[in-house]
């Protein structure tokens, strides 16, 4: 993310003069209505990410118990003065973790400072992990790619003993990337009548509606876009807002086996899992046939990986075109570990699974650091893992030992945030592992 603009640092005290909190009353009232309608039961506790100077909060606090998070300490200071009864936390919306859940999450136009898909997805993940099941998150970008037009605007207000006027110029230096630029010229008149001219640049993110919906689904939300009957708040902003609902615990498919968890993948017993897999696979970016109608799901092979996971090869056939085969590594968690997965990585959960030992979760094992580390170790070991119908063979090039270093020294895996057609895992700053999700005959062109 780019450095904070001056408006949020050394000029933060001018924010209430530039933008009057009272002008937010109608807008905040509509956001309140959306959150109350989206959550069952209606929300009491609300987390606002990127709360800025607290203008929306000054109206929402009458209805909700608010926790306000912002990256800029100077803006939090402005908000504390306006909203002393609210909890304030300094933090980055991409990485902050408060260790508790809320009925709703609200992200106003600060979401626009996410200028890459990776940043945007991280902010969505933060919202997701802080939501209770059944809660909703509301994202309110200033603009989407479809609605973007170069523009100019102006405004400002008179305050107590001081005044501010601004000229705003919005343009896109590079339509091929995911950002645009807004330049401000501020005229600041202080108590002595001295006028200072300041230029300030804001770099903002620009994403298509389809990208918003895709990323929300990949994180685990049930996404929706609201594009009609939007109220006019007289600020030139609007067009769409995005609503993400976190599924309730009852929304995960529930499976049962009479033996160990691996039995859900046993020959002749895979039908319940095959019925549950589309709900997990179809929203993923690596699933290629979203535009086609699914006709059949069949697990054609299973390869156990050293007791940590099972590599399921899933054949997806549609009503048109050729069938496609995907790799879905599956693992099982029970007890407290299962609860941790639900709270911290719900987007990885495939289904609930009841075994004779108790209930747990079936999840995509690429989210497990232990599994990723094992895959990396297998490359150096050059082994063959037998499956029910075929086998997986690992091999290393001559360059691998030098790149890997001492195999006794573990490397920390990091699952990269934005899914592509494959899944990428970075090991420290040393290696990048690519798990090809869609399997095709022959040598992959990326090799």
Protein backbone atom coordinates (compact mmCIF):
# COMPACT_ATOMS: atom_id res chain seq x y z
CA UNK A 1 0.00 0.00 0.00
CA UNK A 2 1.17 3.53 -0.75
CA UNK A 3 2.27 6.00 1.97
CA UNK A 4 -0.54 7.74 3.79
CA UNK A 5 -1.63 11.01 2.19
CA UNK A 6 -0.93 14.20 4.14
CA UNK A 7 -4.65 14.66 4.78
CA UNK A 8 -4.43 11.70 7.17
CA UNK A 9 -1.15 12.66 8.83
CA UNK A 10 0.11 16.20 9.39
CA UNK A 11 -3.09 17.75 7.95
CA UNK A 12 -5.52 15.45 9.81
CA UNK A 13 -6.72 18.27 12.07
CA UNK A 14 -8.21 19.91 8.94
CA UNK A 15 -10.37 16.89 8.12
CA UNK A 16 -13.50 18.12 9.97
CA UNK A 17 -13.20 21.44 8.14
CA UNK A 18 -12.86 19.76 4.77
CA UNK A 19 -15.73 17.33 5.40
CA UNK A 20 -18.51 18.23 7.85
CA UNK A 21 -19.68 15.24 9.97
CA UNK A 22 -23.30 16.38 9.69
CA UNK A 23 -23.21 15.75 5.94
CA UNK A 24 -22.89 12.03 6.66
CA UNK A 25 -26.25 11.65 8.43
CA UNK A 26 -28.27 10.39 5.44
CA UNK A 27 -25.51 8.15 4.13
CA UNK A 28 -24.86 6.58 7.54
CA UNK A 29 -28.58 6.02 7.99
CA UNK A 30 -28.72 4.00 4.80
CA UNK A 31 -25.70 1.91 5.81
CA UNK A 32 -27.38 1.25 9.14
CA UNK A 33 -30.50 0.03 7.33
CA UNK A 34 -28.48 -2.29 5.08
CA UNK A 35 -26.62 -3.86 8.01
CA UNK A 36 -29.80 -4.34 10.04
CA UNK A 37 -31.53 -6.03 7.10
CA UNK A 38 -28.55 -8.23 6.24
CA UNK A 39 -27.91 -9.71 9.70
CA UNK A 40 -30.05 -12.25 11.54
CA UNK A 41 -30.61 -11.24 14.29
CA UNK A 42 -29.97 -7.50 13.71
CA UNK A 43 -26.46 -6.42 14.73
CA UNK A 44 -25.47 -4.97 18.08
CA UNK A 45 -21.68 -4.97 17.81
CA UNK A 46 -20.09 -3.49 14.67
CA UNK A 47 -16.43 -3.30 13.64
CA UNK A 48 -15.54 -0.44 11.31
CA UNK A 49 -12.32 -0.92 9.36
CA UNK A 50 -10.74 2.28 8.04
CA UNK A 51 -12.90 4.46 10.27
CA UNK A 52 -10.86 7.62 9.56
CA UNK A 53 -12.06 10.73 11.38
CA UNK A 54 -15.19 8.94 12.62
CA UNK A 55 -17.81 10.85 10.61
CA UNK A 56 -19.96 7.79 9.85
CA UNK A 57 -19.43 6.52 13.39
CA UNK A 58 -20.80 9.77 14.80
CA UNK A 59 -24.20 8.71 13.41
CA UNK A 60 -23.94 4.90 13.65
CA UNK A 61 -23.01 4.89 17.34
CA UNK A 62 -26.62 5.63 18.28
CA UNK A 63 -27.60 2.20 16.93
CA UNK A 64 -24.51 0.01 17.44
CA UNK A 65 -21.65 -0.68 19.82
CA UNK A 66 -18.77 0.41 17.61
CA UNK A 67 -15.12 -0.60 17.51
CA UNK A 68 -13.20 1.72 15.18
CA UNK A 69 -9.95 0.66 13.49
CA UNK A 70 -7.76 2.93 11.40
CA UNK A 71 -4.16 2.92 10.22
CA UNK A 72 -3.55 6.64 10.82
CA UNK A 73 -3.01 7.68 14.47
CA UNK A 74 -3.77 11.31 13.64
CA UNK A 75 -7.16 10.42 12.20
CA UNK A 76 -7.93 8.27 15.24
CA UNK A 77 -7.22 11.31 17.39
CA UNK A 78 -9.80 13.30 15.41
CA UNK A 79 -12.31 10.47 15.81
CA UNK A 80 -11.70 10.13 19.55
CA UNK A 81 -12.62 13.76 20.00
CA UNK A 82 -15.83 13.27 18.01
CA UNK A 83 -16.67 9.79 19.36
CA UNK A 84 -15.18 9.46 22.86
CA UNK A 85 -17.59 6.67 23.79
CA UNK A 86 -16.35 4.37 21.01
CA UNK A 87 -13.43 1.93 21.23
CA UNK A 88 -10.55 3.00 18.97
CA UNK A 89 -7.78 0.69 17.72
CA UNK A 90 -4.78 1.64 15.58
CA UNK A 91 -4.27 -1.06 12.94
CA UNK A 92 -4.04 -2.00 9.28
CA UNK A 93 -7.29 -3.38 7.84
CA UNK A 94 -5.27 -6.01 5.98
CA UNK A 95 -3.62 -7.54 9.03
CA UNK A 96 -5.32 -6.43 12.25
CA UNK A 97 -6.65 -9.27 14.41
CA UNK A 98 -8.63 -8.37 17.52
CA UNK A 99 -9.29 -11.92 18.69
CA UNK A 100 -13.07 -11.52 18.81
CA UNK A 101 -16.07 -11.54 16.52
CA UNK A 102 -18.71 -8.94 15.73
CA UNK A 103 -22.26 -9.00 14.45
CA UNK A 104 -21.32 -6.85 11.46
CA UNK A 105 -18.31 -5.24 9.78
CA UNK A 106 -18.48 -1.90 7.99
CA UNK A 107 -15.80 -0.69 5.56
CA UNK A 108 -16.47 2.72 4.06
CA UNK A 109 -14.37 4.36 1.32
CA UNK A 110 -11.07 3.59 3.07
CA UNK A 111 -11.32 0.30 1.17
CA UNK A 112 -10.31 2.34 -1.90
CA UNK A 113 -6.74 2.48 -0.60
CA UNK A 114 -6.40 -1.23 -1.37
CA UNK A 115 -4.69 -0.91 -4.76
CA UNK A 116 -3.96 -4.57 -5.56
CA UNK A 117 -6.09 -7.69 -5.47
CA UNK A 118 -3.81 -9.06 -2.76
CA UNK A 119 -4.48 -6.03 -0.54
CA UNK A 120 -8.21 -6.09 -1.23
CA UNK A 121 -8.47 -9.77 -0.45
CA UNK A 122 -6.56 -9.34 2.81
CA UNK A 123 -8.99 -6.64 3.91
CA UNK A 124 -11.89 -8.95 3.04
CA UNK A 125 -10.29 -11.76 5.05
CA UNK A 126 -9.97 -9.43 8.04
CA UNK A 127 -13.67 -8.65 7.80
CA UNK A 128 -14.51 -12.33 7.48
CA UNK A 129 -12.55 -13.60 10.47
CA UNK A 130 -14.06 -10.89 12.69
CA UNK A 131 -17.65 -11.79 11.74
CA UNK A 132 -19.83 -14.19 13.64
CA UNK A 133 -21.56 -16.84 11.50
CA UNK A 134 -24.63 -15.22 10.00
CA UNK A 135 -23.10 -11.75 10.22
CA UNK A 136 -22.61 -9.39 7.30
CA UNK A 137 -19.87 -7.09 6.01
CA UNK A 138 -20.60 -3.97 3.98
CA UNK A 139 -17.92 -2.60 1.61
CA UNK A 140 -18.47 0.86 0.11
CA UNK A 141 -15.91 1.78 -2.57
CA UNK A 142 -16.14 5.20 -4.17
CA UNK A 143 -16.16 3.71 -7.65
CA UNK A 144 -15.80 0.52 -9.67
CA UNK A 145 -13.98 0.11 -12.95
CA UNK A 146 -17.20 0.06 -14.96
CA UNK A 147 -18.27 3.43 -13.53
CA UNK A 148 -14.94 5.23 -13.48
CA UNK A 149 -14.68 8.55 -15.32
CA UNK A 150 -12.03 11.27 -14.96
CA UNK A 151 -13.53 14.04 -12.88
CA UNK A 152 -12.94 17.28 -11.02
CA UNK A 153 -14.67 18.52 -7.88
CA UNK A 154 -14.31 21.22 -5.26
CA UNK A 155 -15.54 21.97 -1.77
CA UNK A 156 -14.62 22.88 1.78
CA UNK A 157 -16.10 24.62 4.81
CA UNK A 158 -15.59 27.40 7.29
CA UNK A 159 -14.67 26.23 10.77
CA UNK A 160 -14.21 28.04 14.08
CA UNK A 161 -11.60 30.66 13.25
CA UNK A 162 -10.30 28.82 10.21
CA UNK A 163 -11.45 27.68 6.79
CA UNK A 164 -10.51 25.28 4.03
CA UNK A 165 -11.21 25.02 0.32
CA UNK A 166 -10.05 22.27 -2.01
CA UNK A 167 -9.88 21.36 -5.69
CA UNK A 168 -10.05 17.64 -6.51
CA UNK A 169 -8.80 16.13 -9.78
CA UNK A 170 -9.37 12.41 -10.43
CA UNK A 171 -7.63 10.67 -13.33
CA UNK A 172 -6.12 7.33 -14.32
CA UNK A 173 -2.46 7.45 -15.41
CA UNK A 174 -2.46 3.77 -16.44
CA UNK A 175 -5.80 2.15 -17.35
CA UNK A 176 -4.05 -1.23 -17.53
CA UNK A 177 -3.33 -1.43 -13.79
CA UNK A 178 -5.65 -1.64 -10.77
CA UNK A 179 -5.30 1.91 -9.46
CA UNK A 180 -6.18 5.50 -10.23
CA UNK A 181 -5.05 8.83 -8.83
CA UNK A 182 -6.73 11.76 -7.15
CA UNK A 183 -4.77 14.98 -6.69
CA UNK A 184 -5.97 17.59 -4.22
CA UNK A 185 -5.03 21.24 -3.94
CA UNK A 186 -5.86 22.55 -0.45
CA UNK A 187 -6.13 26.20 0.58
CA UNK A 188 -5.89 26.37 4.37
CA UNK A 189 -6.69 29.63 6.17
CA UNK A 190 -5.72 29.68 9.84
CA UNK A 191 -6.81 31.86 12.75
CA UNK A 192 -4.40 34.65 11.74
CA UNK A 193 -5.76 34.85 8.21
CA UNK A 194 -2.64 33.26 6.74
CA UNK A 195 -3.45 31.06 3.73
CA UNK A 196 -1.33 28.00 2.96
CA UNK A 197 -1.52 26.09 -0.35
CA UNK A 198 -0.82 22.33 -0.20
CA UNK A 199 -0.84 19.62 -2.87
CA UNK A 200 -1.72 16.05 -1.81
CA UNK A 201 -1.83 12.86 -3.88
CA UNK A 202 -4.07 9.85 -3.15
CA UNK A 203 -3.50 6.53 -4.99
CA UNK A 204 -6.69 4.46 -4.98
CA UNK A 205 -7.75 1.00 -6.10
CA UNK A 206 -9.98 0.31 -9.10
CA UNK A 207 -11.63 -3.09 -9.55
CA UNK A 208 -14.47 -4.43 -11.66
CA UNK A 209 -17.68 -5.57 -9.98
CA UNK A 210 -16.92 -9.14 -11.07
CA UNK A 211 -13.55 -8.96 -9.29
CA UNK A 212 -15.21 -7.77 -6.09
CA UNK A 213 -17.73 -10.59 -6.18
CA UNK A 214 -15.11 -13.20 -7.03
CA UNK A 215 -12.77 -12.17 -4.22
CA UNK A 216 -15.61 -12.06 -1.70
CA UNK A 217 -16.63 -15.59 -2.69
CA UNK A 218 -13.04 -16.86 -2.55
CA UNK A 219 -12.68 -15.54 0.99
CA UNK A 220 -15.85 -17.39 1.99
CA UNK A 221 -18.59 -14.75 1.83
CA UNK A 222 -21.94 -15.15 0.19
CA UNK A 223 -21.55 -12.00 -1.95
CA UNK A 224 -24.07 -9.54 -3.30
CA UNK A 225 -23.87 -6.21 -5.11
CA UNK A 226 -26.41 -3.44 -4.64
CA UNK A 227 -26.63 -1.27 -7.73
CA UNK A 228 -30.12 0.18 -7.86
CA UNK A 229 -32.21 2.54 -5.75
CA UNK A 230 -29.09 3.94 -4.16
CA UNK A 231 -29.87 7.17 -2.31
CA UNK A 232 -28.29 10.40 -3.48
CA UNK A 233 -26.22 11.87 -0.69
CA UNK A 234 -25.16 14.84 -2.75
CA UNK A 235 -21.48 13.92 -2.63
CA UNK A 236 -21.00 12.61 -6.16
CA UNK A 237 -20.11 9.22 -4.72
CA UNK A 238 -21.90 5.95 -5.15
CA UNK A 239 -23.09 3.50 -7.73
CA UNK A 240 -22.52 0.22 -5.94
CA UNK A 241 -21.86 -1.24 -2.53
CA UNK A 242 -20.92 -4.84 -1.83
CA UNK A 243 -22.47 -7.02 0.85
CA UNK A 244 -20.80 -10.19 2.09
CA UNK A 245 -22.64 -12.57 4.43
CA UNK A 246 -20.69 -15.09 6.44
CA UNK A 247 -22.45 -18.45 6.18
CA UNK A 248 -23.83 -19.88 9.40
CA UNK A 249 -22.28 -23.01 10.81
CA UNK A 250 -25.29 -24.91 9.56
CA UNK A 251 -24.50 -23.83 5.99
CA UNK A 252 -21.53 -26.20 5.68
CA UNK A 253 -22.40 -29.61 4.24
CA UNK A 254 -22.58 -32.32 6.93
CA UNK A 255 -21.11 -35.75 6.21
CA UNK A 256 -20.88 -38.90 8.33
CA UNK A 257 -18.55 -41.91 8.28
CA UNK A 258 -18.65 -45.10 10.32
CA UNK A 259 -14.86 -45.28 10.67
CA UNK A 260 -11.82 -42.99 10.45
CA UNK A 261 -12.19 -39.74 8.54
CA UNK A 262 -10.38 -41.11 5.49
CA UNK A 263 -13.39 -43.36 4.91
CA UNK A 264 -15.18 -40.40 3.30
CA UNK A 265 -12.76 -40.95 0.38
CA UNK A 266 -12.95 -44.74 0.32
CA UNK A 267 -13.92 -46.49 -2.92
CA UNK A 268 -17.67 -46.82 -3.21
CA UNK A 269 -18.33 -44.32 -0.39
CA UNK A 270 -17.50 -40.98 -2.04
CA UNK A 271 -20.98 -39.94 -3.21
CA UNK A 272 -21.77 -37.67 -0.20
CA UNK A 273 -18.45 -35.85 -0.56
CA UNK A 274 -18.90 -35.56 -4.34
CA UNK A 275 -22.24 -33.85 -3.67
CA UNK A 276 -20.60 -31.40 -1.24
CA UNK A 277 -17.51 -30.47 -3.29
CA UNK A 278 -19.14 -28.13 -5.86
CA UNK A 279 -20.12 -25.62 -3.15
CA UNK A 280 -16.44 -25.34 -2.25
CA UNK A 281 -14.86 -25.63 -5.70
CA UNK A 282 -17.08 -23.52 -7.95
CA UNK A 283 -16.27 -20.11 -6.35
CA UNK A 284 -12.50 -20.75 -6.54
CA UNK A 285 -10.58 -18.83 -9.16
CA UNK A 286 -8.75 -22.01 -10.18
CA UNK A 287 -12.05 -23.61 -11.22
CA UNK A 288 -12.16 -22.80 -14.91
CA UNK A 289 -15.70 -23.69 -16.00
CA UNK A 290 -17.83 -21.23 -14.05
CA UNK A 291 -19.85 -20.35 -17.17
CA UNK A 292 -20.83 -23.96 -17.84
CA UNK A 293 -23.55 -26.07 -16.18
CA UNK A 294 -22.19 -28.81 -13.94
CA UNK A 295 -23.50 -32.28 -14.72
CA UNK A 296 -21.37 -34.74 -12.69
CA UNK A 297 -18.71 -34.77 -9.98
CA UNK A 298 -16.61 -37.89 -9.55
CA UNK A 299 -13.57 -38.58 -7.36
CA UNK A 300 -11.41 -40.62 -9.72
CA UNK A 301 -8.37 -41.20 -7.50
CA UNK A 302 -7.08 -40.56 -3.97
CA UNK A 303 -3.41 -40.35 -2.99
CA UNK A 304 -2.57 -40.43 0.74
CA UNK A 305 0.24 -38.04 1.78
CA UNK A 306 2.08 -39.45 4.79
CA UNK A 307 -0.91 -39.34 7.13
CA UNK A 308 -1.30 -35.55 6.78
CA UNK A 309 -3.81 -35.34 3.95
CA UNK A 310 -5.39 -37.10 1.00
CA UNK A 311 -4.93 -35.76 -2.54
CA UNK A 312 -8.35 -36.10 -4.17
CA UNK A 313 -8.46 -36.00 -7.96
CA UNK A 314 -11.93 -34.68 -8.79
CA UNK A 315 -13.41 -35.04 -12.27
CA UNK A 316 -15.91 -32.27 -13.05
CA UNK A 317 -18.12 -32.91 -16.09
CA UNK A 318 -20.39 -30.21 -17.52
CA UNK A 319 -23.30 -30.42 -19.92
CA UNK A 320 -21.05 -29.03 -22.69
CA UNK A 321 -17.34 -29.33 -23.36
CA UNK A 322 -14.79 -31.81 -22.09
CA UNK A 323 -14.55 -32.94 -18.43
CA UNK A 324 -11.84 -31.36 -16.25
CA UNK A 325 -9.87 -32.94 -13.41
CA UNK A 326 -8.82 -30.93 -10.36
CA UNK A 327 -6.56 -31.59 -7.38
CA UNK A 328 -8.15 -30.95 -3.97
CA UNK A 329 -5.91 -31.90 -0.99
CA UNK A 330 -8.15 -32.77 1.96
CA UNK A 331 -7.34 -33.01 5.66
CA UNK A 332 -9.35 -33.38 8.86
CA UNK A 333 -9.47 -31.39 12.09
CA UNK A 334 -11.45 -32.18 15.24
CA UNK A 335 -12.15 -30.59 18.59
CA UNK A 336 -10.49 -27.28 19.40
CA UNK A 337 -8.48 -27.43 16.17
CA UNK A 338 -11.72 -27.57 14.17
CA UNK A 339 -13.06 -24.53 16.01
CA UNK A 340 -9.84 -22.67 15.18
CA UNK A 341 -10.29 -23.47 11.50
CA UNK A 342 -13.87 -22.20 11.60
CA UNK A 343 -12.86 -18.96 13.28
CA UNK A 344 -9.57 -18.17 11.53
CA UNK A 345 -9.72 -19.91 8.13
CA UNK A 346 -13.38 -20.60 7.39
CA UNK A 347 -12.74 -20.09 3.67
CA UNK A 348 -10.79 -23.40 3.70
CA UNK A 349 -13.62 -25.51 5.14
CA UNK A 350 -15.13 -28.01 2.70
CA UNK A 351 -17.63 -29.80 4.96
CA UNK A 352 -18.45 -30.90 8.48
CA UNK A 353 -17.62 -34.54 9.12
CA UNK A 354 -18.93 -36.76 11.93
CA UNK A 355 -16.80 -39.78 12.87
CA UNK A 356 -17.19 -42.32 15.71
CA UNK A 357 -14.64 -40.27 17.68
CA UNK A 358 -16.61 -37.06 17.30
CA UNK A 359 -17.34 -34.24 14.89
CA UNK A 360 -14.77 -32.27 12.95
CA UNK A 361 -14.08 -30.48 9.70
CA UNK A 362 -12.86 -31.52 6.28
CA UNK A 363 -10.69 -28.70 4.89
CA UNK A 364 -8.45 -27.83 1.94
CA UNK A 365 -4.99 -28.87 3.14
CA UNK A 366 -3.10 -26.17 1.22
CA UNK A 367 -4.03 -23.90 4.13
CA UNK A 368 -2.04 -26.17 6.48
CA UNK A 369 1.63 -25.16 6.92
CA UNK A 370 2.52 -28.74 7.89
CA UNK A 371 1.08 -30.12 4.67
CA UNK A 372 2.84 -27.51 2.52
CA UNK A 373 6.13 -28.25 4.25
CA UNK A 374 5.62 -31.96 3.61
CA UNK A 375 5.03 -31.36 -0.11
CA UNK A 376 8.28 -29.41 -0.29
CA UNK A 377 10.17 -32.18 1.51
CA UNK A 378 8.77 -34.75 -0.92
CA UNK A 379 10.38 -32.93 -3.83
CA UNK A 380 13.85 -33.49 -2.35
CA UNK A 381 13.08 -37.05 -1.31
CA UNK A 382 12.07 -38.06 -4.86
CA UNK A 383 9.43 -40.59 -3.84
CA UNK A 384 6.39 -42.24 -5.35
CA UNK A 385 3.09 -41.98 -3.47
CA UNK A 386 0.67 -44.71 -4.55
CA UNK A 387 -3.00 -43.89 -5.02
CA UNK A 388 -6.04 -46.06 -5.55
CA UNK A 389 -5.76 -45.89 -9.34
CA UNK A 390 -2.44 -44.20 -10.08
CA UNK A 391 0.49 -42.60 -8.30
CA UNK A 392 2.19 -39.27 -7.66
CA UNK A 393 5.95 -39.15 -8.21
CA UNK A 394 8.14 -36.36 -6.90
CA UNK A 395 11.38 -35.32 -8.58
CA UNK A 396 13.94 -32.53 -8.22
CA UNK A 397 16.11 -30.81 -10.80
CA UNK A 398 19.87 -30.51 -10.40
CA UNK A 399 19.42 -26.91 -9.22
CA UNK A 400 17.03 -27.77 -6.39
CA UNK A 401 19.49 -28.74 -3.59
CA UNK A 402 21.35 -25.43 -3.81
CA UNK A 403 18.11 -23.46 -3.93
CA UNK A 404 16.58 -25.39 -1.03
CA UNK A 405 19.61 -25.33 1.22
CA UNK A 406 19.96 -27.63 4.23
CA UNK A 407 16.82 -29.82 4.24
CA UNK A 408 17.14 -30.11 8.02
CA UNK A 409 16.37 -26.39 8.28
CA UNK A 410 12.61 -25.87 7.86
CA UNK A 411 11.33 -23.05 5.68
CA UNK A 412 8.16 -21.23 6.71
CA UNK A 413 5.36 -21.60 4.13
CA UNK A 414 3.11 -18.65 3.29
CA UNK A 415 0.02 -19.23 1.18
CA UNK A 416 -0.13 -16.32 -1.24
CA UNK A 417 -3.31 -14.32 -0.80
CA UNK A 418 -4.66 -14.03 -4.34
CA UNK A 419 -5.66 -17.28 -6.03
CA UNK A 420 -4.70 -17.68 -9.66
CA UNK A 421 -5.44 -20.66 -11.86
CA UNK A 422 -3.15 -22.52 -9.46
CA UNK A 423 -2.28 -22.23 -5.75
CA UNK A 424 1.07 -20.64 -4.85
CA UNK A 425 2.99 -21.10 -1.62
CA UNK A 426 6.09 -19.05 -0.80
CA UNK A 427 8.72 -20.54 1.51
CA UNK A 428 10.35 -17.60 3.27
CA UNK A 429 12.07 -15.63 0.47
CA UNK A 430 13.73 -18.72 -0.90
CA UNK A 431 11.30 -20.84 -2.91
CA UNK A 432 7.90 -20.64 -4.58
CA UNK A 433 5.81 -23.80 -4.84
CA UNK A 434 2.98 -23.94 -7.37
CA UNK A 435 0.24 -26.52 -6.93
CA UNK A 436 -1.41 -27.10 -10.29
CA UNK A 437 -5.10 -27.38 -9.52
CA UNK A 438 -6.31 -28.39 -12.97
CA UNK A 439 -4.63 -31.49 -14.36
CA UNK A 440 -4.13 -32.02 -18.08
CA UNK A 441 -2.19 -34.64 -20.05
CA UNK A 442 1.43 -33.90 -20.90
CA UNK A 443 4.01 -31.53 -19.45
CA UNK A 444 2.58 -28.34 -17.98
CA UNK A 445 3.82 -25.32 -20.00
CA UNK A 446 4.86 -23.59 -16.74
CA UNK A 447 7.53 -26.25 -16.20
